[in-house]
């Protein structure tokens, strides 16, 4: 049976627990849990214990939601899909998708669901991307046959994520630095829960998830996983054709339409005309995209995730944008 797992700060380390009440949405909530009796440090190790029924619920506790950490641990490899909802593909100028867009993101981006998002110095085009993270149950190697019938043996559960992006670095740095633009610290708030699924629950559940994102009070993104262009089974099979992944690694499945950075003839002209002039391209992109429209310090982002089929709320995130602190000498 599906369960909601959290990882929380206990001062000198982290504790795994299973929720016994509702999943939190705000950092000032209190959360009812049963701590898990486990020696697992990484999410991959915990999944192994959960599958073997060795991580058993123990003592009851009530904790502040703000103590919740990312359930995905930093040993994980993060692989991302781009332009994987029709709405986002269209607003990016890629109405007809002919290939799966895959790229990486540093695991040091991972942070808790109620942590601040730090806007790095020199970044003016800070953007959000609500996404569903798919966490592996076992290693993925060459020849893996992943389809709807077998995906439960490869996927252990899902996590709500925000694939925060610095569009300056992605599109205005030499040769388009997607990895850099996606990989600043705090650029992947994750959680609050790891929605752990038994093998028989995976296929139906991951096809029936709804996510949303609000910027302040304005709803900016809303979609469901049935709208994915390249679904998880197909994508995992493609990944297995060229790389290995381990238990606990995560695939971020793409973001719906509604991001701040929208393509336009002016943006396309800047990219085409100044492809080999980084400084000029950066300045003109900031003007074409209207930099003040992007995320500013003090703004808040609120995300939610729901299991539609089970009618279960999987919690929410709330992040505040802050400016990178100046170095103090």
Protein backbone atom coordinates (compact mmCIF):
# COMPACT_ATOMS: atom_id res chain seq x y z
CA UNK A 1 0.00 0.00 0.00
CA UNK A 2 1.27 3.49 -0.87
CA UNK A 3 2.75 5.52 1.97
CA UNK A 4 4.10 9.04 2.41
CA UNK A 5 7.68 9.07 3.66
CA UNK A 6 9.50 12.13 4.97
CA UNK A 7 13.04 12.90 6.05
CA UNK A 8 13.51 15.52 8.74
CA UNK A 9 16.25 17.32 10.62
CA UNK A 10 16.97 16.10 14.14
CA UNK A 11 19.82 18.49 14.84
CA UNK A 12 22.80 16.22 14.29
CA UNK A 13 21.44 14.23 11.40
CA UNK A 14 18.27 13.19 9.67
CA UNK A 15 15.43 10.83 10.60
CA UNK A 16 13.13 8.92 8.24
CA UNK A 17 9.44 8.71 9.15
CA UNK A 18 6.08 7.77 7.68
CA UNK A 19 3.24 10.28 7.85
CA UNK A 20 0.27 9.25 9.96
CA UNK A 21 -1.71 12.42 9.24
CA UNK A 22 -2.09 14.85 6.37
CA UNK A 23 0.86 15.90 4.25
CA UNK A 24 1.94 19.48 5.02
CA UNK A 25 1.59 22.43 2.68
CA UNK A 26 3.07 25.28 4.76
CA UNK A 27 6.21 25.42 6.92
CA UNK A 28 4.30 26.57 10.04
CA UNK A 29 2.20 23.38 10.19
CA UNK A 30 2.81 20.48 12.56
CA UNK A 31 3.09 16.96 11.18
CA UNK A 32 2.13 13.65 12.80
CA UNK A 33 4.58 10.84 12.00
CA UNK A 34 5.91 7.50 13.10
CA UNK A 35 9.70 7.38 12.94
CA UNK A 36 11.05 4.47 10.92
CA UNK A 37 13.39 1.98 12.54
CA UNK A 38 16.10 2.00 9.88
CA UNK A 39 19.82 2.52 9.47
CA UNK A 40 19.36 3.87 5.94
CA UNK A 41 21.16 7.13 5.19
CA UNK A 42 20.30 7.49 1.52
CA UNK A 43 16.90 7.27 -0.13
CA UNK A 44 18.18 4.38 -2.22
CA UNK A 45 19.07 2.42 0.92
CA UNK A 46 15.68 3.21 2.45
CA UNK A 47 13.85 1.96 -0.65
CA UNK A 48 15.74 -1.32 -0.34
CA UNK A 49 14.63 -1.65 3.28
CA UNK A 50 11.02 -0.68 2.50
CA UNK A 51 10.83 -3.24 -0.29
CA UNK A 52 12.16 -5.89 2.07
CA UNK A 53 9.77 -4.76 4.86
CA UNK A 54 12.73 -4.05 7.14
CA UNK A 55 12.05 -0.33 7.74
CA UNK A 56 9.23 -0.66 10.25
CA UNK A 57 7.23 2.18 11.85
CA UNK A 58 8.27 2.79 15.44
CA UNK A 59 7.56 5.58 17.88
CA UNK A 60 5.03 8.35 17.23
CA UNK A 61 6.15 11.96 17.02
CA UNK A 62 4.88 15.40 16.09
CA UNK A 63 7.32 17.62 14.21
CA UNK A 64 7.30 21.11 12.68
CA UNK A 65 6.92 20.98 8.90
CA UNK A 66 9.80 23.43 8.50
CA UNK A 67 12.16 20.68 9.76
CA UNK A 68 11.41 18.53 6.69
CA UNK A 69 14.37 17.94 4.37
CA UNK A 70 14.47 16.80 0.77
CA UNK A 71 13.59 13.08 0.76
CA UNK A 72 15.90 12.66 -2.24
CA UNK A 73 19.45 12.49 -0.91
CA UNK A 74 22.45 14.11 -2.56
CA UNK A 75 24.02 10.84 -3.69
CA UNK A 76 21.27 10.70 -6.33
CA UNK A 77 21.87 11.36 -10.01
CA UNK A 78 19.27 13.80 -11.33
CA UNK A 79 18.20 13.46 -14.97
CA UNK A 80 15.73 15.98 -16.41
CA UNK A 81 13.32 16.04 -19.32
CA UNK A 82 12.66 19.26 -21.17
CA UNK A 83 9.63 20.48 -23.13
CA UNK A 84 7.65 17.40 -22.08
CA UNK A 85 4.19 18.98 -21.88
CA UNK A 86 2.60 20.37 -25.04
CA UNK A 87 1.92 23.74 -23.37
CA UNK A 88 5.55 24.28 -22.38
CA UNK A 89 6.81 23.02 -25.75
CA UNK A 90 4.53 25.47 -27.55
CA UNK A 91 5.51 28.48 -25.45
CA UNK A 92 9.15 27.60 -26.11
CA UNK A 93 8.65 27.49 -29.89
CA UNK A 94 8.73 23.67 -30.20
CA UNK A 95 5.12 22.87 -31.07
CA UNK A 96 6.05 19.58 -32.75
CA UNK A 97 8.29 17.37 -30.63
CA UNK A 98 10.37 14.80 -32.51
CA UNK A 99 12.82 13.72 -29.82
CA UNK A 100 13.03 13.41 -26.06
CA UNK A 101 15.09 16.27 -24.57
CA UNK A 102 17.29 14.97 -21.73
CA UNK A 103 19.87 16.81 -19.61
CA UNK A 104 21.47 16.73 -16.17
CA UNK A 105 21.17 18.75 -12.97
CA UNK A 106 23.57 18.71 -10.02
CA UNK A 107 22.35 16.85 -6.93
CA UNK A 108 23.73 19.67 -4.77
CA UNK A 109 20.68 21.66 -5.94
CA UNK A 110 18.48 19.56 -3.63
CA UNK A 111 16.94 21.37 -0.68
CA UNK A 112 13.88 21.10 1.53
CA UNK A 113 10.33 22.02 0.46
CA UNK A 114 10.28 25.08 2.72
CA UNK A 115 13.84 26.29 2.21
CA UNK A 116 14.64 29.61 0.55
CA UNK A 117 15.64 29.68 -3.12
CA UNK A 118 18.80 31.76 -3.50
CA UNK A 119 19.04 33.96 -6.59
CA UNK A 120 22.75 33.97 -7.50
CA UNK A 121 24.62 37.20 -8.09
CA UNK A 122 24.44 38.18 -11.73
CA UNK A 123 21.25 36.20 -12.43
CA UNK A 124 18.34 38.35 -13.59
CA UNK A 125 16.23 35.73 -15.37
CA UNK A 126 15.29 33.40 -12.48
CA UNK A 127 12.40 31.08 -13.38
CA UNK A 128 10.37 28.25 -11.82
CA UNK A 129 9.39 24.80 -13.15
CA UNK A 130 7.00 22.60 -11.16
CA UNK A 131 7.80 18.96 -11.90
CA UNK A 132 7.08 15.39 -10.86
CA UNK A 133 10.19 13.44 -9.87
CA UNK A 134 10.25 9.67 -10.53
CA UNK A 135 12.57 7.76 -8.17
CA UNK A 136 14.16 4.45 -9.18
CA UNK A 137 13.49 1.24 -7.26
CA UNK A 138 16.44 -0.62 -8.76
CA UNK A 139 19.41 -0.06 -11.01
CA UNK A 140 18.85 0.69 -14.68
CA UNK A 141 21.35 -0.88 -17.08
CA UNK A 142 21.74 -1.55 -20.79
CA UNK A 143 18.96 -3.76 -22.10
CA UNK A 144 16.42 -2.84 -19.42
CA UNK A 145 12.93 -3.51 -20.78
CA UNK A 146 10.79 -0.78 -19.24
CA UNK A 147 7.15 -0.55 -20.26
CA UNK A 148 3.78 -0.22 -18.53
CA UNK A 149 3.91 -3.86 -17.47
CA UNK A 150 7.38 -3.69 -15.92
CA UNK A 151 7.68 -0.08 -14.73
CA UNK A 152 6.67 -1.02 -11.17
CA UNK A 153 9.84 -3.06 -10.83
CA UNK A 154 11.93 -0.02 -11.80
CA UNK A 155 10.11 2.87 -10.09
CA UNK A 156 9.66 3.15 -6.31
CA UNK A 157 7.71 6.37 -6.04
CA UNK A 158 7.38 10.06 -6.81
CA UNK A 159 8.45 13.42 -5.36
CA UNK A 160 7.23 16.96 -6.00
CA UNK A 161 10.10 19.12 -7.30
CA UNK A 162 10.78 22.65 -8.51
CA UNK A 163 13.39 22.66 -11.28
CA UNK A 164 14.49 26.26 -10.68
CA UNK A 165 16.33 27.71 -13.66
CA UNK A 166 18.62 30.66 -14.37
CA UNK A 167 17.68 31.46 -17.95
CA UNK A 168 20.68 33.84 -18.19
CA UNK A 169 23.11 30.94 -17.87
CA UNK A 170 21.01 28.57 -19.97
CA UNK A 171 20.67 30.82 -22.99
CA UNK A 172 23.16 33.66 -22.58
CA UNK A 173 26.39 31.84 -21.70
CA UNK A 174 28.86 30.27 -24.12
CA UNK A 175 27.30 27.39 -26.02
CA UNK A 176 24.12 27.54 -23.90
CA UNK A 177 24.98 26.27 -20.42
CA UNK A 178 21.86 24.31 -19.45
CA UNK A 179 23.69 22.32 -16.77
CA UNK A 180 25.04 25.47 -15.13
CA UNK A 181 21.71 27.28 -15.41
CA UNK A 182 19.93 24.41 -13.67
CA UNK A 183 22.55 23.56 -11.07
CA UNK A 184 23.00 26.42 -8.60
CA UNK A 185 22.54 25.41 -4.96
CA UNK A 186 18.87 25.50 -3.78
CA UNK A 187 17.65 25.10 -7.38
CA UNK A 188 15.73 21.87 -6.63
CA UNK A 189 13.33 22.11 -3.67
CA UNK A 190 12.00 18.56 -3.24
CA UNK A 191 9.22 17.08 -1.14
CA UNK A 192 7.69 17.31 1.34
CA UNK A 193 7.02 13.60 0.86
CA UNK A 194 8.46 10.67 -1.02
CA UNK A 195 5.30 8.89 -2.17
CA UNK A 196 6.42 5.27 -1.88
CA UNK A 197 4.47 2.84 -4.08
CA UNK A 198 4.26 -0.91 -4.22
CA UNK A 199 5.08 -2.38 -7.63
CA UNK A 200 1.43 -3.00 -8.54
CA UNK A 201 0.51 0.64 -7.82
CA UNK A 202 3.15 2.37 -9.91
CA UNK A 203 1.78 2.35 -13.47
CA UNK A 204 -1.68 3.69 -12.61
CA UNK A 205 -0.43 6.18 -10.03
CA UNK A 206 2.24 7.88 -12.14
CA UNK A 207 -0.31 8.30 -14.95
CA UNK A 208 -2.72 10.09 -12.60
CA UNK A 209 -0.82 12.81 -10.75
CA UNK A 210 -1.78 16.49 -10.74
CA UNK A 211 0.64 19.32 -9.95
CA UNK A 212 0.32 23.08 -9.65
CA UNK A 213 2.42 26.17 -8.96
CA UNK A 214 1.41 29.61 -7.74
CA UNK A 215 3.57 32.71 -7.90
CA UNK A 216 2.32 34.66 -4.93
CA UNK A 217 -1.47 34.15 -5.22
CA UNK A 218 -1.51 33.74 -9.02
CA UNK A 219 -1.91 30.23 -10.41
CA UNK A 220 0.80 29.91 -13.05
CA UNK A 221 1.05 26.17 -13.71
CA UNK A 222 -1.46 23.30 -13.51
CA UNK A 223 -1.34 19.96 -15.31
CA UNK A 224 -1.55 16.22 -14.84
CA UNK A 225 0.91 13.47 -15.69
CA UNK A 226 -1.41 12.00 -18.31
CA UNK A 227 -0.40 14.97 -20.47
CA UNK A 228 3.30 14.03 -20.65
CA UNK A 229 4.58 13.74 -24.21
CA UNK A 230 7.26 11.18 -23.36
CA UNK A 231 5.98 9.19 -20.34
CA UNK A 232 8.29 7.71 -17.69
CA UNK A 233 8.39 4.14 -19.02
CA UNK A 234 9.44 5.26 -22.50
CA UNK A 235 11.98 7.69 -21.08
CA UNK A 236 13.55 5.19 -18.69
CA UNK A 237 13.92 2.71 -21.55
CA UNK A 238 15.65 5.41 -23.59
CA UNK A 239 17.96 6.33 -20.71
CA UNK A 240 18.93 2.66 -20.29
CA UNK A 241 20.13 2.66 -23.89
CA UNK A 242 23.02 4.99 -23.07
CA UNK A 243 23.59 5.29 -19.31
CA UNK A 244 23.39 3.43 -16.02
CA UNK A 245 21.33 4.66 -13.08
CA UNK A 246 21.09 3.32 -9.54
CA UNK A 247 18.34 2.84 -6.98
CA UNK A 248 17.36 6.22 -5.52
CA UNK A 249 18.24 8.23 -8.64
CA UNK A 250 15.54 10.56 -9.95
CA UNK A 251 14.04 11.50 -13.30
CA UNK A 252 12.40 14.94 -13.37
CA UNK A 253 9.67 14.55 -15.97
CA UNK A 254 9.34 18.12 -17.27
CA UNK A 255 7.26 21.17 -16.49
CA UNK A 256 3.86 22.32 -17.78
CA UNK A 257 3.22 25.57 -19.61
CA UNK A 258 3.23 28.79 -17.65
CA UNK A 259 6.92 29.49 -17.03
CA UNK A 260 8.11 33.10 -17.17
CA UNK A 261 10.54 32.65 -20.09
CA UNK A 262 8.38 32.53 -23.21
CA UNK A 263 9.72 32.36 -26.74
CA UNK A 264 8.88 35.14 -29.19
CA UNK A 265 10.12 36.36 -32.57
CA UNK A 266 12.29 38.90 -30.73
CA UNK A 267 13.88 36.21 -28.54
CA UNK A 268 14.45 33.93 -31.53
CA UNK A 269 16.09 36.80 -33.42
CA UNK A 270 18.45 37.51 -30.52
CA UNK A 271 19.49 33.86 -30.31
CA UNK A 272 20.05 33.59 -34.06
CA UNK A 273 21.82 36.92 -34.55
CA UNK A 274 24.13 36.83 -31.52
CA UNK A 275 24.76 33.11 -31.01
CA UNK A 276 28.55 33.64 -30.84
CA UNK A 277 28.52 36.94 -28.94
CA UNK A 278 27.72 35.97 -25.35
CA UNK A 279 27.76 39.45 -23.80
CA UNK A 280 25.56 40.97 -26.50
CA UNK A 281 23.18 37.98 -26.39
CA UNK A 282 22.84 38.26 -22.62
CA UNK A 283 22.03 41.97 -22.72
CA UNK A 284 19.53 41.66 -25.53
CA UNK A 285 17.86 38.59 -24.05
CA UNK A 286 17.32 40.45 -20.78
CA UNK A 287 15.65 43.22 -22.75
CA UNK A 288 13.62 40.89 -25.02
CA UNK A 289 12.42 38.78 -22.09
CA UNK A 290 11.83 41.85 -19.86
CA UNK A 291 14.08 40.89 -16.94
CA UNK A 292 12.00 42.65 -14.23
CA UNK A 293 9.17 40.13 -14.88
CA UNK A 294 11.32 37.29 -13.53
CA UNK A 295 11.50 36.12 -9.91
CA UNK A 296 12.58 38.80 -7.47
CA UNK A 297 13.76 38.58 -3.83
CA UNK A 298 10.80 38.46 -1.45
CA UNK A 299 8.49 36.60 -3.83
CA UNK A 300 6.97 33.24 -2.86
CA UNK A 301 6.33 30.08 -4.86
CA UNK A 302 3.73 27.51 -3.72
CA UNK A 303 3.54 24.06 -5.30
CA UNK A 304 1.18 21.11 -4.77
CA UNK A 305 0.95 17.47 -5.86
CA UNK A 306 -2.12 15.18 -5.81
CA UNK A 307 -2.72 11.50 -6.50
CA UNK A 308 -5.92 11.87 -8.56
CA UNK A 309 -6.82 8.18 -8.58
CA UNK A 310 -6.56 7.74 -4.82
CA UNK A 311 -7.86 11.21 -4.01
CA UNK A 312 -4.79 11.83 -1.88
CA UNK A 313 -3.06 15.17 -1.30
CA UNK A 314 0.71 14.68 -1.36
CA UNK A 315 1.56 17.98 0.26
CA UNK A 316 3.00 21.22 -0.97
CA UNK A 317 6.04 23.45 -1.07
CA UNK A 318 6.49 27.07 -0.15
CA UNK A 319 9.72 28.78 -1.09
CA UNK A 320 10.83 32.39 -0.72
CA UNK A 321 13.24 33.94 -3.22
CA UNK A 322 16.23 35.56 -1.51
CA UNK A 323 19.28 37.36 -2.84
CA UNK A 324 22.67 35.69 -2.58
CA UNK A 325 24.49 37.12 0.42
CA UNK A 326 27.52 39.25 -0.34
CA UNK A 327 30.84 37.79 0.80
CA UNK A 328 31.95 39.16 4.15
CA UNK A 329 35.71 39.46 4.76
